[in-house]
Protein backbone atom coordinates (compact mmCIF):
# COMPACT_ATOMS: atom_id res chain seq x y z
CA PRO A 1 195.12 14.30 76.97
CA ALA A 2 197.86 10.82 77.24
CA ASN A 3 195.19 8.99 74.99
CA SER A 4 194.75 11.35 72.70
CA LEU A 5 198.56 12.57 72.16
CA GLY A 6 198.52 8.48 71.36
CA ALA A 7 195.69 8.34 69.00
CA LEU A 8 196.77 11.82 67.13
CA SER A 9 200.01 9.72 67.26
CA ALA A 10 198.47 6.96 65.74
CA ALA A 11 196.41 8.79 62.64
CA ASN A 12 199.31 10.51 61.87
CA ALA A 13 201.42 7.71 61.54
CA LEU A 14 198.91 6.52 58.50
CA PHE A 15 199.08 9.93 56.82
CA ILE A 16 203.12 9.85 56.62
CA ILE A 17 202.87 7.21 54.12
CA VAL A 18 201.06 9.34 51.38
CA PRO A 19 203.58 11.93 50.67
CA ALA A 20 206.79 9.57 50.94
CA SER A 21 205.44 7.33 47.91
CA ARG A 22 206.95 7.89 45.08
CA THR A 23 204.02 7.33 42.91
CA SER A 24 201.66 9.07 45.25
CA LEU A 25 197.71 9.51 44.32
CA TRP A 26 197.86 13.01 46.44
CA GLN A 27 201.30 13.81 44.07
CA TYR A 28 198.97 13.14 41.30
CA LEU A 29 195.76 14.36 42.26
CA LEU A 30 197.70 17.81 43.75
CA GLY A 31 200.39 18.19 41.09
CA LEU A 32 202.99 18.28 43.60
CA PRO A 33 206.38 16.72 42.80
CA PHE A 34 208.27 14.28 44.90
CA ASP A 35 210.33 17.32 46.55
CA LYS A 36 207.35 19.25 47.53
CA MET A 37 205.66 16.23 49.15
CA ILE A 38 208.49 15.21 50.87
CA ARG A 39 208.41 18.32 53.36
CA PHE A 40 204.79 17.38 54.15
CA HIS A 41 205.77 13.38 55.08
CA ARG A 42 209.05 15.21 57.19
CA TRP A 43 206.39 17.98 58.82
CA ILE A 44 204.20 14.98 59.82
CA GLY A 45 207.62 13.19 60.88
CA MET A 46 208.32 15.82 63.52
CA LEU A 47 204.47 15.99 64.72
CA ILE A 48 204.10 11.97 65.33
CA VAL A 49 207.55 12.23 67.23
CA VAL A 50 206.22 15.24 69.13
CA GLU A 51 203.01 13.44 69.88
CA ALA A 52 204.79 10.13 70.70
CA THR A 53 206.95 11.75 72.92
CA GLY A 54 204.00 13.90 74.83
CA HIS A 55 202.17 10.38 75.15
CA CYS A 56 205.06 8.38 76.71
CA LEU A 57 205.79 11.31 79.37
CA TRP A 58 202.51 11.96 80.23
CA TRP A 59 201.94 8.37 81.13
CA LEU A 60 205.20 8.20 83.26
CA ILE A 61 204.24 11.22 84.79
CA LEU A 62 200.90 9.65 85.56
CA PHE A 63 202.28 6.58 86.77
CA GLY A 64 204.74 7.77 89.40
CA VAL A 65 201.93 10.14 90.58
CA GLU A 66 198.48 8.11 90.91
CA ASP A 67 198.98 4.82 93.14
CA ASP A 68 195.42 3.34 92.86
CA ALA A 69 194.55 5.02 89.28
CA PRO A 70 191.91 2.80 87.06
CA ASN A 71 193.56 0.52 84.91
CA LEU A 72 197.15 0.91 86.01
CA PRO A 73 199.11 -2.21 86.84
CA SER A 74 200.71 -2.15 90.15
CA CYS A 75 204.51 -1.81 90.46
CA PRO A 76 206.18 -5.05 91.96
CA PHE A 77 208.90 -2.83 92.76
CA PRO A 78 208.77 -0.49 95.74
CA ALA A 79 209.06 3.00 95.81
CA SER A 80 212.55 4.45 95.32
CA ARG A 81 211.64 7.73 97.37
CA PRO A 82 211.43 8.72 100.93
CA GLN A 83 208.21 8.58 102.03
CA SER A 84 208.47 13.00 102.77
CA LYS A 85 209.12 13.58 99.56
CA PRO A 86 205.90 14.26 97.30
CA ARG A 87 205.40 10.82 94.27
CA SER A 88 205.22 13.75 91.57
CA ALA A 89 208.64 14.50 92.04
CA THR A 90 209.97 11.15 90.19
CA CYS A 91 209.31 9.13 87.75
CA ALA A 92 211.05 6.23 88.99
CA ARG A 93 207.99 4.47 89.94
CA GLY A 94 206.54 5.09 86.22
CA LEU A 95 209.31 3.74 84.83
CA GLN A 96 209.50 0.54 86.78
CA ARG A 97 205.96 0.08 85.89
CA VAL A 98 206.67 0.35 81.96
CA PHE A 99 209.21 -2.51 82.36
CA VAL A 100 206.98 -4.61 83.99
CA THR A 101 203.97 -4.65 81.31
CA GLN A 102 204.26 -6.24 78.29
CA SER A 103 201.92 -3.39 76.32
CA TYR A 104 204.23 -1.14 77.91
CA VAL A 105 207.76 -2.39 76.58
CA TYR A 106 206.00 -2.44 73.60
CA GLY A 107 205.37 1.31 73.31
CA LEU A 108 208.72 1.86 74.58
CA VAL A 109 210.22 0.01 71.57
CA ALA A 110 207.98 2.22 69.12
CA TRP A 111 209.07 5.19 70.33
CA ILE A 112 212.75 4.32 70.58
CA SER A 113 212.27 2.77 66.77
CA LEU A 114 210.71 6.70 66.23
CA ALA A 115 213.70 8.13 67.93
CA LEU A 116 216.28 6.44 65.95
CA ILE A 117 214.65 7.32 62.80
CA LEU A 118 214.17 11.07 63.84
CA LEU A 119 218.26 11.27 65.02
CA THR A 120 219.02 9.97 61.71
CA SER A 121 216.58 11.95 59.86
CA LEU A 122 218.64 15.18 61.11
CA GLU A 123 220.40 17.12 57.76
CA THR A 124 224.08 16.32 58.51
CA VAL A 125 223.54 12.50 59.25
CA ARG A 126 221.08 12.39 56.09
CA ARG A 127 223.69 14.53 53.76
CA ARG A 128 226.62 13.11 54.65
CA HIS A 129 225.35 9.28 55.22
CA TYR A 130 222.60 9.14 53.60
CA ARG A 131 222.90 4.95 53.54
CA ILE A 132 222.52 5.05 57.47
CA PHE A 133 219.49 7.58 56.78
CA GLN A 134 218.00 5.15 54.29
CA ALA A 135 218.93 1.91 56.02
CA SER A 136 217.21 3.17 59.47
CA HIS A 137 214.23 4.64 57.82
CA PHE A 138 213.34 0.71 57.63
CA ALA A 139 212.66 1.20 61.65
CA PHE A 140 209.38 2.49 60.49
CA LEU A 141 208.65 -1.56 60.16
CA LEU A 142 209.28 -1.46 63.87
CA PHE A 143 207.21 1.55 64.89
CA TYR A 144 203.90 0.03 63.21
CA THR A 145 204.55 -3.48 64.53
CA PHE A 146 205.38 -2.62 68.25
CA ALA A 147 202.45 0.35 68.19
CA ALA A 148 199.83 -2.01 66.88
CA LEU A 149 201.10 -5.03 69.69
CA HIS A 150 200.87 -1.87 72.08
CA LYS A 151 197.57 -0.85 71.79
CA PRO A 152 195.86 -3.18 68.67
CA ALA A 153 192.26 -1.77 69.35
CA SER A 154 193.48 1.87 68.37
CA PHE A 155 196.69 1.78 66.70
CA GLY A 156 196.14 -1.71 64.70
CA PRO A 157 193.78 -0.04 61.73
CA TYR A 158 196.24 2.72 61.08
CA ALA A 159 198.87 0.30 60.98
CA PHE A 160 197.14 -1.80 58.40
CA GLY A 161 196.14 1.27 56.40
CA ALA A 162 199.37 2.51 56.19
CA LEU A 163 200.92 -0.90 55.13
CA GLY A 164 198.20 -1.18 52.37
CA LEU A 165 199.28 2.00 51.02
CA TYR A 166 202.73 1.07 51.67
CA VAL A 167 202.15 -2.17 49.32
CA PHE A 168 200.27 -0.14 47.09
CA ASP A 169 203.31 2.23 46.57
CA LYS A 170 205.61 -0.65 45.88
CA LEU A 171 203.62 -2.69 43.46
CA SER A 172 202.22 0.08 41.58
CA ARG A 173 206.45 1.24 41.37
CA ALA A 174 206.95 -2.13 39.99
CA PHE A 175 204.10 -2.32 37.61
CA LEU A 176 204.72 1.25 36.43
CA GLY A 177 208.60 0.40 36.28
CA ILE A 178 207.78 -2.91 33.99
CA ALA A 179 205.17 -1.28 31.87
CA SER A 180 206.73 1.85 30.95
CA SER A 181 209.91 0.23 30.33
CA ALA A 182 211.64 0.75 26.10
CA PRO A 183 213.60 -1.11 24.72
CA ALA A 184 216.71 0.88 23.53
CA VAL A 185 216.55 0.96 19.92
CA SER A 186 220.60 1.85 19.55
CA MET A 187 224.11 2.41 21.60
CA GLU A 188 227.19 4.28 20.61
CA SER A 189 230.54 4.11 22.87
CA LEU A 190 231.71 7.37 22.80
CA PRO A 191 235.28 8.10 24.23
CA SER A 192 235.56 10.01 27.27
CA GLY A 193 239.08 11.08 27.63
CA VAL A 194 239.68 9.54 31.34
């Protein structure tokens, strides 16, 4: 289940780009305006956060419970619990493994960037501090970069696909902006009374 949640968040990370772009092919094909498409972006974003959080928590539990699980790095620190206490009662050992394994540190940084985007996307922040909301959304670059470093074989293709969609959106917006610029025929200054 932990790997499945990670794979789902990777796949959805590709699809979150589609409804967020203003020149989305899907908007054109489905005939939906941007304000309708952005709802899908929000839903997919929430889904990614839930999936990634589930992925992280599941692995922390597995790291804390399983001493000799296959493909898990050994923990260099002694377990900080009495021997009588069951290993499932603590995730301390799991956290220790996360901080000593480079791949897991990458995953943690990717998750923290998602958490930053989520917290600044809350309606109160978005409405009162739009610039903060807008600037923090560039943490998506951290998310894609560190998630791809965390699992290059499984997340990398989705990250590159999302990057391709993002670049296509920016280039098409620039091209459409240049191609559609109409010259001003006349201008007139009107009194404003201010």
